[in-house]
Amino acid sequence: MIKNTGIAITPDSERVIIRPYIPADQSRIPKIVSRVMALDEHAAEEHLKRTMRDFSARHHNFDAILERQFEAVRAYMPSDFAPSKTQRLLIGAYFIGERSYESTGLFNPSIVAHPDQSGVSGGSLRFIISLRATGEGQISTLVFRSGLIDKHGSVSIDKASGLARTAEPKPNALYDKTCFAIKLYEMGLENDCSKHTIDPLPAEFTMEQLEEKVKDYTAGHQPITQTDKLTCEKILWLARCNYEATFDPRFPLSERVLFPLSPSEQNGMEDARFVFFKDDDGSGKYYATYTAYDGRVILPQIMETEDFVRFKMITLNGRAAVNKGMALFPRKINGRYAMVSRNDNENLFLMYSDNIHFWHEAVPLMGPLYPWEFVQIGNCGSPIETERGWLLLTHGVGPMRQYSIGAALLDLKDPSRILGRLSGPLIHWEDDSRSGYVPNVVYSCGAMTHGDTLIIPYALSDQQTTIALVSLREILDKLS
């Protein structure tokens, strides 16, 4: 039933991004700058020339990057500090560095139709694959590749650019006051401090306005209590966890790297499950549920985009918004948002909500049944709507922590009704692919259909990604 395409999306250690370097002891910054300024003009020019020679071809607009990083540390210098352009660029170079973000693995893929189908011949479909990339520091980032499946079922992946760039946070993005207040209540932060901080804000406010209100409250309540101090910290933490990020649309999809920008994500953005969601009015956008990880605690989040250029990251709240592995249905079910989740680390649950950001209801859907999934089960992405039911790809964990991909079929009107379930794995590791960063694992975060073909991108041992094709009719026959 499985047709292997032979495609291998592999990590490339030569693909790097620029990240700021600011010493933890910020008193070192002016010392480093002073050493640069002590160089005579010729020496400074030679060091800058060498830096440009070694690094400018590896990044777009490298001199602009250096200039921008100089401006980031200028605040540590005297107000009358006036270095030459050579000195500015060279100072900037001392406060940035390259990070190899995908040298370890490209895995846990998800696939959706590309928003731009222009120029695609009849019967073909352009798609986007999102991938979890890991490299230096084992920090997980989100990257993208594009490809095409033609009318004959042949799949190709577009060649990736040798360059990469991170998204820029949108300055002064707007926050919805009502939604923000509800999130604070969910966090147990409904008190005088939060009330006096949030109430004066307009219906939509910016981070700058929020920081000003926190500053005003703190200044007016000295000495500030430990409870108020914690509340203020959590208010700002929540705001920083909800942000917008934008890429320059002139650069190709494969160059776009969503690197963690919020405190909840500082150790990674993990396992994004993308889906194109169509609303009741016919409009649509892409959503992706993902796991934010700060090194200690995981936080379920959702991102939204219409074009894979502008992204909005939002925390998920509610007593049912816990754990990893949430996957959104591609449309509302009986007028409500719906998700498949794994609330207890072992079983699959069905969740419903009237608000996509708040989830309170979770009912059991299915648990481990067969030996290859006795340890736990989870989903492999959003359910796929077919004429016979919702096709749900699952993953199961068996003996020796082996991960396999399975499938189930849920009723279209009532997804809590299981119409069928494979007794054995649909995809299992093979001898030539079982070794890698995490051995004996196959895993996917989302599949899609094209005609009668089910397209399943999946990771091999948390290191590289391949694509399998399955006859949709054949798998539905086995499940019906």
Protein backbone atom coordinates (compact mmCIF):
# COMPACT_ATOMS: atom_id res chain seq x y z
CA MET A 1 0.00 0.00 0.00
CA ILE A 2 2.98 2.32 0.55
CA LYS A 3 4.94 3.81 -2.35
CA ASN A 4 8.27 5.32 -1.36
CA THR A 5 9.30 8.34 -3.44
CA GLY A 6 13.00 8.09 -2.62
CA ILE A 7 12.98 11.75 -1.60
CA ALA A 8 15.36 12.69 1.20
CA ILE A 9 15.27 16.13 2.82
CA THR A 10 18.51 16.18 4.77
CA PRO A 11 20.15 18.64 7.18
CA ASP A 12 22.79 20.98 5.80
CA SER A 13 25.39 22.29 8.23
CA GLU A 14 26.40 25.03 5.77
CA ARG A 15 23.04 26.78 6.15
CA VAL A 16 23.46 29.32 8.94
CA ILE A 17 21.63 32.28 10.41
CA ILE A 18 22.89 35.40 12.18
CA ARG A 19 22.13 35.72 15.88
CA PRO A 20 23.03 38.61 18.22
CA TYR A 21 25.76 38.12 20.78
CA ILE A 22 25.32 40.25 23.90
CA PRO A 23 27.52 39.24 26.87
CA ALA A 24 25.57 38.29 30.00
CA ASP A 25 27.81 40.73 31.87
CA GLN A 26 26.88 43.85 29.95
CA SER A 27 29.71 45.82 31.49
CA ARG A 28 31.92 43.99 28.98
CA ILE A 29 30.24 45.74 26.03
CA PRO A 30 31.99 49.12 26.33
CA LYS A 31 35.28 47.31 26.98
CA ILE A 32 34.98 45.40 23.70
CA VAL A 33 34.02 48.60 21.87
CA SER A 34 37.00 50.43 23.37
CA ARG A 35 39.37 47.75 22.08
CA VAL A 36 37.94 48.15 18.58
CA MET A 37 38.22 51.94 18.78
CA ALA A 38 41.86 51.64 19.85
CA LEU A 39 42.77 50.09 16.48
CA ASP A 40 44.34 52.50 14.05
CA GLU A 41 42.42 53.23 10.84
CA HIS A 42 44.44 50.83 8.69
CA ALA A 43 44.10 47.93 11.14
CA ALA A 44 40.36 48.52 11.49
CA GLU A 45 39.92 48.53 7.70
CA GLU A 46 41.92 45.31 7.34
CA HIS A 47 39.90 43.50 10.04
CA LEU A 48 36.63 44.66 8.47
CA LYS A 49 37.80 43.67 4.99
CA ARG A 50 38.65 40.18 6.26
CA THR A 51 35.26 39.87 8.00
CA MET A 52 33.40 40.95 4.86
CA ARG A 53 35.43 38.54 2.73
CA ASP A 54 34.73 35.58 5.01
CA PHE A 55 31.05 36.19 5.77
CA SER A 56 29.29 38.58 3.38
CA ALA A 57 28.52 35.89 0.75
CA ARG A 58 26.81 33.77 3.40
CA HIS A 59 24.13 36.38 4.23
CA HIS A 60 21.92 38.93 2.49
CA ASN A 61 22.82 42.60 3.11
CA PHE A 62 25.64 41.73 5.48
CA ASP A 63 26.79 45.31 5.93
CA ALA A 64 23.24 46.32 6.94
CA ILE A 65 23.26 43.51 9.52
CA LEU A 66 26.50 44.85 11.00
CA GLU A 67 25.17 48.41 11.07
CA ARG A 68 21.96 47.29 12.78
CA GLN A 69 23.85 45.38 15.45
CA PHE A 70 26.06 48.37 16.12
CA GLU A 71 22.90 50.38 16.77
CA ALA A 72 21.76 47.67 19.21
CA VAL A 73 24.82 48.27 21.41
CA ARG A 74 25.11 52.01 20.87
CA ALA A 75 23.01 52.62 23.99
CA TYR A 76 25.96 51.40 26.08
CA MET A 77 28.18 54.16 24.68
CA PRO A 78 28.41 57.89 25.57
CA SER A 79 25.88 60.07 23.74
CA ASP A 80 28.64 61.90 21.85
CA PHE A 81 30.19 58.64 20.62
CA ALA A 82 30.85 59.12 16.86
CA PRO A 83 32.80 56.27 15.24
CA SER A 84 33.49 56.11 11.50
CA LYS A 85 31.51 53.77 9.25
CA THR A 86 34.38 51.27 9.30
CA GLN A 87 34.40 51.31 13.09
CA ARG A 88 30.60 50.97 13.28
CA LEU A 89 30.55 47.92 11.04
CA LEU A 90 33.48 46.32 12.83
CA ILE A 91 31.91 46.92 16.24
CA GLY A 92 28.70 45.32 14.95
CA ALA A 93 30.67 42.24 13.91
CA TYR A 94 31.88 41.70 17.46
CA PHE A 95 28.30 41.40 18.72
CA ILE A 96 26.86 38.84 16.30
CA GLY A 97 27.67 35.27 15.34
CA GLU A 98 26.54 32.52 13.01
CA ARG A 99 24.34 29.69 14.25
CA SER A 100 24.08 26.34 12.48
CA TYR A 101 20.36 25.82 12.99
CA GLU A 102 19.73 22.62 10.99
CA SER A 103 23.00 20.67 11.18
CA THR A 104 21.55 17.88 13.37
CA GLY A 105 18.18 17.15 11.84
CA LEU A 106 15.22 18.13 9.64
CA PHE A 107 12.26 16.14 10.87
CA ASN A 108 8.63 16.04 12.06
CA PRO A 109 7.22 17.42 8.79
CA SER A 110 3.78 18.80 8.01
CA ILE A 111 2.40 19.44 4.52
CA VAL A 112 -0.25 21.84 3.13
CA ALA A 113 -1.20 23.23 -0.27
CA HIS A 114 0.85 26.31 -1.19
CA PRO A 115 -1.12 29.60 -1.13
CA ASP A 116 0.33 30.43 -4.57
CA GLN A 117 -0.72 28.01 -7.31
CA SER A 118 0.08 30.36 -10.19
CA GLY A 119 1.86 28.74 -13.10
CA VAL A 120 1.01 25.20 -11.97
CA SER A 121 -0.23 23.00 -14.80
CA GLY A 122 -3.63 21.33 -14.65
CA GLY A 123 -3.82 18.34 -12.36
CA SER A 124 -0.70 19.36 -10.42
CA LEU A 125 -0.40 20.93 -6.97
CA ARG A 126 2.32 23.05 -5.38
CA PHE A 127 2.78 22.37 -1.65
CA ILE A 128 4.70 23.57 1.40
CA ILE A 129 6.41 21.28 3.88
CA SER A 130 7.24 22.65 7.32
CA LEU A 131 10.06 20.98 9.22
CA ARG A 132 11.47 21.01 12.72
CA ALA A 133 15.17 21.84 12.41
CA THR A 134 17.75 21.30 15.12
CA GLY A 135 21.38 22.25 15.20
CA GLU A 136 23.71 24.10 17.53
CA GLY A 137 22.42 23.97 21.10
CA GLN A 138 19.65 21.54 20.09
CA ILE A 139 17.25 24.47 19.80
CA SER A 140 14.29 23.63 17.57
CA THR A 141 13.37 26.07 14.83
CA LEU A 142 10.76 25.96 12.08
CA VAL A 143 11.81 25.90 8.43
CA PHE A 144 10.09 25.36 5.08
CA ARG A 145 10.49 23.67 1.73
CA SER A 146 8.25 23.77 -1.34
CA GLY A 147 7.52 21.12 -3.92
CA LEU A 148 5.12 19.81 -6.54
CA ILE A 149 3.00 16.71 -7.10
CA ASP A 150 1.92 16.33 -10.72
CA LYS A 151 -1.21 14.73 -12.17
CA HIS A 152 0.62 11.39 -12.43
CA GLY A 153 1.49 11.36 -8.74
CA SER A 154 5.17 12.18 -9.19
CA VAL A 155 6.59 14.30 -6.35
CA SER A 156 9.52 16.71 -6.51
CA ILE A 157 11.07 19.06 -3.95
CA ASP A 158 12.36 22.47 -5.00
CA LYS A 159 16.06 23.06 -4.49
CA ALA A 160 16.69 24.93 -1.26
CA SER A 161 18.60 28.20 -1.24
CA GLY A 162 22.04 28.17 0.32
CA LEU A 163 21.12 31.23 2.39
CA ALA A 164 18.80 31.62 5.37
CA ARG A 165 17.30 34.48 7.35
CA THR A 166 15.18 34.80 10.46
CA ALA A 167 11.87 36.62 10.81
CA GLU A 168 11.77 40.08 12.32
CA PRO A 169 9.39 40.70 15.25
CA LYS A 170 6.67 43.17 14.31
CA PRO A 171 7.15 46.31 16.43
CA ASN A 172 4.15 47.43 18.45
CA ALA A 173 1.85 44.61 17.35
CA LEU A 174 -1.70 45.02 18.66
CA TYR A 175 -3.13 42.99 21.54
CA ASP A 176 -6.84 42.40 22.06
CA LYS A 177 -7.67 43.66 25.55
CA THR A 178 -10.59 41.26 26.20
CA CYS A 179 -8.65 38.20 25.10
CA PHE A 180 -5.57 39.29 27.04
CA ALA A 181 -7.61 39.78 30.24
CA ILE A 182 -9.16 36.32 29.88
CA LYS A 183 -5.71 34.80 29.48
CA LEU A 184 -4.56 36.54 32.67
CA TYR A 185 -7.60 35.13 34.49
CA GLU A 186 -6.70 31.64 33.19
CA MET A 187 -3.23 32.14 34.67
CA GLY A 188 -4.71 33.01 38.07
CA LEU A 189 -3.65 36.66 37.81
CA GLU A 190 -6.96 38.38 38.44
CA ASN A 191 -6.01 40.85 41.18
CA ASP A 192 -5.76 44.58 41.86
CA CYS A 193 -2.40 44.82 40.12
CA SER A 194 -3.61 43.28 36.87
CA LYS A 195 -6.89 45.23 37.04
CA HIS A 196 -5.17 48.59 37.50
CA THR A 197 -2.71 47.73 34.70
CA ILE A 198 -5.16 46.41 32.10
CA ASP A 199 -8.34 48.43 32.69
CA PRO A 200 -6.98 51.81 31.47
CA LEU A 201 -5.71 50.31 28.20
CA PRO A 202 -7.68 50.79 24.95
CA ALA A 203 -9.56 47.88 23.33
CA GLU A 204 -6.43 47.23 21.26
CA PHE A 205 -3.09 48.13 22.79
CA THR A 206 0.61 47.87 22.01
CA MET A 207 3.49 46.42 23.99
CA GLU A 208 4.77 49.94 24.57
CA GLN A 209 1.45 50.97 26.12
CA LEU A 210 1.39 47.87 28.32
CA GLU A 211 4.94 48.43 29.53
CA GLU A 212 4.05 52.02 30.40
CA LYS A 213 1.08 50.91 32.52
CA VAL A 214 3.19 48.31 34.31
CA LYS A 215 5.84 50.95 34.96
CA ASP A 216 3.20 53.39 36.30
CA TYR A 217 1.74 50.78 38.64
CA THR A 218 5.16 49.77 39.94
CA ALA A 219 6.18 53.38 40.56
CA GLY A 220 2.94 54.14 42.39
CA HIS A 221 3.05 51.09 44.69
CA GLN A 222 6.45 51.26 46.36
CA PRO A 223 7.63 49.22 48.08
CA ILE A 224 6.03 46.73 45.69
CA THR A 225 4.83 43.45 47.18
CA GLN A 226 6.16 40.12 45.96
CA THR A 227 2.69 39.24 44.63
CA ASP A 228 2.46 42.45 42.61
CA LYS A 229 6.01 42.03 41.35
CA LEU A 230 5.20 38.49 40.13
CA THR A 231 1.96 39.70 38.53
CA CYS A 232 3.81 42.43 36.60
CA GLU A 233 6.43 39.94 35.43
CA LYS A 234 3.76 37.48 34.27
CA ILE A 235 1.79 40.20 32.45
CA LEU A 236 4.86 41.13 30.42
CA TRP A 237 5.77 37.45 29.96
CA LEU A 238 2.34 36.73 28.48
CA ALA A 239 2.61 39.68 26.12
CA ARG A 240 6.04 38.54 24.90
CA CYS A 241 4.69 35.01 24.29
CA ASN A 242 2.07 36.46 21.94
CA TYR A 243 3.81 38.20 19.07
CA GLU A 244 3.98 38.68 15.33
CA ALA A 245 6.94 37.98 13.06
CA THR A 246 7.50 38.92 9.42
CA PHE A 247 9.84 37.89 6.61
CA ASP A 248 10.91 39.97 3.65
CA PRO A 249 8.62 38.55 0.90
CA ARG A 250 11.31 39.08 -1.74
CA PHE A 251 13.30 36.11 -0.48
CA PRO A 252 12.32 32.48 -1.20
CA LEU A 253 10.39 30.24 1.17
CA SER A 254 13.35 27.94 1.82
CA GLU A 255 15.34 30.86 3.29
CA ARG A 256 12.73 31.60 5.97
CA VAL A 257 13.60 30.42 9.48
CA LEU A 258 11.22 30.90 12.39
CA PHE A 259 13.70 31.10 15.24
CA PRO A 260 12.31 31.28 18.82
CA LEU A 261 11.54 34.90 19.75
CA SER A 262 9.52 34.60 22.97
CA PRO A 263 10.53 33.53 26.51
CA SER A 264 8.30 30.44 26.30
CA GLU A 265 10.14 29.31 23.14
CA GLN A 266 13.73 29.99 24.11
CA ASN A 267 14.66 26.29 23.87
CA GLY A 268 12.55 25.57 20.83
CA MET A 269 9.44 25.62 18.67
CA GLU A 270 8.53 21.96 18.30
CA ASP A 271 6.32 19.83 16.05
CA ALA A 272 4.20 22.35 14.16
CA ARG A 273 1.04 20.73 12.75
CA PHE A 274 -0.10 22.94 9.87
CA VAL A 275 -3.59 22.87 8.40
CA PHE A 276 -5.52 25.10 6.03
CA PHE A 277 -8.65 26.04 7.98
CA LYS A 278 -11.79 27.11 6.08
CA ASP A 279 -14.26 29.21 8.05
CA ASP A 280 -18.04 29.19 7.73
CA ASP A 281 -18.00 32.26 5.46
CA GLY A 282 -15.66 30.54 3.00
CA SER A 283 -12.56 32.48 4.02
CA GLY A 284 -9.50 30.57 5.11
CA LYS A 285 -6.06 30.79 6.65
CA TYR A 286 -3.32 28.45 7.79
CA TYR A 287 -3.05 27.48 11.45
CA ALA A 288 -0.35 25.45 13.12
CA THR A 289 -0.47 24.13 16.64
CA TYR A 290 3.02 23.75 18.11
CA THR A 291 4.85 23.27 21.38
CA ALA A 292 6.84 26.13 22.89
CA TYR A 293 9.63 24.91 25.17
CA ASP A 294 11.64 27.10 27.52
CA GLY A 295 13.97 24.36 28.78
CA ARG A 296 11.72 23.39 31.70
CA VAL A 297 8.07 23.82 30.79
CA ILE A 298 6.13 23.15 27.59
CA LEU A 299 3.41 25.55 26.47
CA PRO A 300 0.89 24.73 23.71
CA GLN A 301 0.63 27.55 21.19
CA ILE A 302 -0.95 28.24 17.83
CA MET A 303 0.38 30.27 14.93
CA GLU A 304 -1.58 31.69 12.04
CA THR A 305 -0.59 32.93 8.61
CA GLU A 306 -2.18 33.62 5.26
CA ASP A 307 0.95 33.76 3.13
CA PHE A 308 3.91 32.21 5.04
CA VAL A 309 5.40 35.70 5.18
CA ARG A 310 3.55 37.14 8.19
CA PHE A 311 3.04 34.93 11.24
CA LYS A 312 1.13 35.51 14.46
CA MET A 313 1.96 33.40 17.55
CA ILE A 314 -0.70 33.01 20.22
CA THR A 315 -0.82 31.05 23.48
CA LEU A 316 -3.54 28.43 23.89
CA ASN A 317 -5.44 28.60 27.17
CA GLY A 318 -7.98 26.60 29.12
CA ARG A 319 -7.82 23.53 31.33
CA ALA A 320 -7.81 21.24 28.26
CA ALA A 321 -4.93 23.10 26.55
CA VAL A 322 -2.22 20.95 28.07
CA ASN A 323 0.55 18.66 26.86
CA LYS A 324 1.83 18.20 23.32
CA GLY A 325 0.33 17.00 20.08
CA MET A 326 -2.77 19.10 19.41
CA ALA A 327 -4.12 18.97 15.85
CA LEU A 328 -6.89 21.25 14.58
CA PHE A 329 -9.67 19.98 12.31
CA PRO A 330 -9.70 21.88 8.97
CA ARG A 331 -13.21 23.25 9.59
CA LYS A 332 -15.71 23.61 12.40
CA ILE A 333 -17.69 20.57 13.48
CA ASN A 334 -21.33 21.33 14.28
CA GLY A 335 -20.49 25.01 14.56
CA ARG A 336 -17.50 24.61 16.90
CA TYR A 337 -13.73 24.41 16.56
CA ALA A 338 -12.43 20.89 17.12
CA MET A 339 -9.04 19.35 17.86
CA VAL A 340 -7.52 15.95 18.43
CA SER A 341 -5.12 16.04 21.37
CA ARG A 342 -3.18 13.87 23.82
CA ASN A 343 -3.97 15.36 27.19
CA ASP A 344 -2.55 12.60 29.37
CA ASN A 345 0.63 11.48 27.55
CA GLU A 346 -1.03 8.19 26.60
CA ASN A 347 -4.44 8.46 24.90
CA LEU A 348 -6.09 10.51 22.18
CA PHE A 349 -8.82 12.99 23.12
CA LEU A 350 -11.37 15.04 21.21
CA MET A 351 -11.63 18.73 22.10
CA TYR A 352 -14.27 21.34 21.23
CA SER A 353 -14.35 25.10 21.68
CA ASP A 354 -16.27 28.20 20.63
CA ASN A 355 -13.02 30.21 20.69
CA ILE A 356 -9.91 28.94 18.95
CA HIS A 357 -7.68 30.34 21.72
CA PHE A 358 -9.46 28.74 24.70
CA TRP A 359 -10.01 25.01 25.22
CA HIS A 360 -11.87 23.62 28.21
CA GLU A 361 -13.50 20.40 26.95
CA ALA A 362 -11.66 17.15 26.27
CA VAL A 363 -13.27 13.72 26.02
CA PRO A 364 -11.46 10.39 25.41
CA LEU A 365 -11.33 9.30 21.78
CA MET A 366 -9.08 6.24 21.65
CA GLY A 367 -6.36 4.53 23.63
CA PRO A 368 -3.57 2.03 22.96
CA LEU A 369 -5.07 -1.18 21.59
CA TYR A 370 -2.42 -3.08 19.63
CA PRO A 371 1.08 -4.17 20.72
CA TRP A 372 2.86 -1.64 18.48
CA GLU A 373 1.15 1.20 20.39
CA PHE A 374 0.91 -0.18 23.94
CA VAL A 375 3.09 2.60 25.44
CA GLN A 376 1.13 5.54 23.99
CA ILE A 377 -0.63 6.87 20.93
CA GLY A 378 -0.85 10.33 19.41
CA ASN A 379 -1.86 12.02 16.19
CA CYS A 380 0.27 12.60 13.10
CA GLY A 381 -1.37 15.86 12.17
CA SER A 382 -4.82 17.24 11.50
CA PRO A 383 -7.66 14.92 10.45
CA ILE A 384 -8.19 14.82 6.67
CA GLU A 385 -11.75 15.08 5.36
CA THR A 386 -12.78 12.36 2.91
CA GLU A 387 -16.20 11.30 1.60
CA ARG A 388 -16.14 8.32 3.98
CA GLY A 389 -15.02 10.09 7.14
CA TRP A 390 -12.17 11.91 8.82
CA LEU A 391 -8.90 10.12 8.08
CA LEU A 392 -6.68 10.45 11.14
CA LEU A 393 -3.05 9.38 10.95
CA THR A 394 -1.76 8.29 14.33
CA HIS A 395 1.54 7.34 15.87
CA GLY A 396 2.08 4.51 18.30
CA VAL A 397 4.97 3.72 20.63
CA GLY A 398 5.79 0.06 21.16
CA PRO A 399 8.58 -2.09 22.59
CA MET A 400 12.07 -0.55 22.64
CA ARG A 401 10.47 2.90 22.16
CA GLN A 402 9.75 2.18 18.50
CA TYR A 403 7.52 4.78 16.82
CA SER A 404 5.20 3.69 13.99
CA ILE A 405 2.52 5.48 11.96
CA GLY A 406 -1.03 4.11 11.92
CA ALA A 407 -4.47 5.29 10.79
CA ALA A 408 -8.07 5.53 11.96
CA LEU A 409 -11.34 6.71 10.39
CA LEU A 410 -13.76 8.95 12.30
CA ASP A 411 -17.37 9.77 11.51
CA LEU A 412 -17.77 13.07 9.62
CA LYS A 413 -20.65 14.40 11.74
CA ASP A 414 -19.56 12.87 15.04
CA PRO A 415 -15.77 12.37 15.15
CA SER A 416 -16.08 10.61 18.51
CA ARG A 417 -17.39 7.60 16.54
CA ILE A 418 -14.48 5.47 15.33
CA LEU A 419 -15.43 3.77 12.07
CA GLY A 420 -12.22 1.84 11.60
CA ARG A 421 -8.66 1.48 12.77
CA LEU A 422 -5.60 -0.27 11.34
CA SER A 423 -4.49 -3.18 13.51
CA GLY A 424 -0.89 -2.85 12.30
CA PRO A 425 1.38 0.05 11.39
CA LEU A 426 0.92 1.81 8.08
CA ILE A 427 4.57 2.91 8.14
CA HIS A 428 7.33 1.32 10.23
CA TRP A 429 11.09 1.93 10.21
CA GLU A 430 13.23 -0.08 7.82
CA ASP A 431 16.73 -1.45 8.35
CA ASP A 432 18.39 1.22 6.21
CA SER A 433 16.66 4.10 8.01
CA ARG A 434 16.40 3.04 11.64
CA SER A 435 19.65 4.70 12.74
CA GLY A 436 19.88 8.42 13.41
CA TYR A 437 19.58 11.03 16.12
CA VAL A 438 16.69 9.09 17.73
CA PRO A 439 16.76 5.50 16.40
CA ASN A 440 13.76 3.34 15.46
CA VAL A 441 11.39 6.28 14.92
CA VAL A 442 9.10 7.29 12.04
CA TYR A 443 6.95 10.36 12.71
CA SER A 444 4.79 12.86 10.87
CA CYS A 445 3.03 16.09 11.85
CA GLY A 446 0.62 16.23 8.93
CA ALA A 447 -0.38 14.69 5.58
CA MET A 448 -2.63 15.82 2.72
CA THR A 449 -4.51 14.37 -0.23
CA HIS A 450 -4.27 15.14 -3.94
CA GLY A 451 -6.89 13.33 -5.98
CA ASP A 452 -6.77 9.69 -4.93
CA THR A 453 -3.27 10.04 -3.46
CA LEU A 454 -2.48 10.44 0.22
CA ILE A 455 0.84 12.28 0.60
CA ILE A 456 2.62 11.49 3.87
CA PRO A 457 5.88 13.28 4.66
CA TYR A 458 7.54 11.60 7.61
CA ALA A 459 10.78 11.77 9.53
CA LEU A 460 13.35 9.00 9.81
CA SER A 461 14.95 8.72 13.25
CA ASP A 462 14.54 12.46 13.95
CA GLN A 463 17.24 13.22 11.40
CA GLN A 464 15.90 13.48 7.87
CA THR A 465 12.55 13.49 6.09
CA THR A 466 11.10 11.47 3.23
CA ILE A 467 7.70 11.27 1.53
CA ALA A 468 5.44 8.25 1.02
CA LEU A 469 2.40 7.98 -1.26
CA VAL A 470 -0.64 5.87 -0.45
CA SER A 471 -3.76 5.11 -2.47
CA LEU A 472 -6.54 6.93 -0.63
CA ARG A 473 -9.14 4.45 -1.86
CA GLU A 474 -7.08 1.52 -0.66
CA ILE A 475 -6.52 2.83 2.87
CA LEU A 476 -10.18 3.86 3.20
CA ASP A 477 -11.23 0.36 2.08
CA LYS A 478 -9.13 -1.10 4.89
CA LEU A 479 -10.65 1.29 7.44
CA SER A 480 -14.31 1.21 6.35
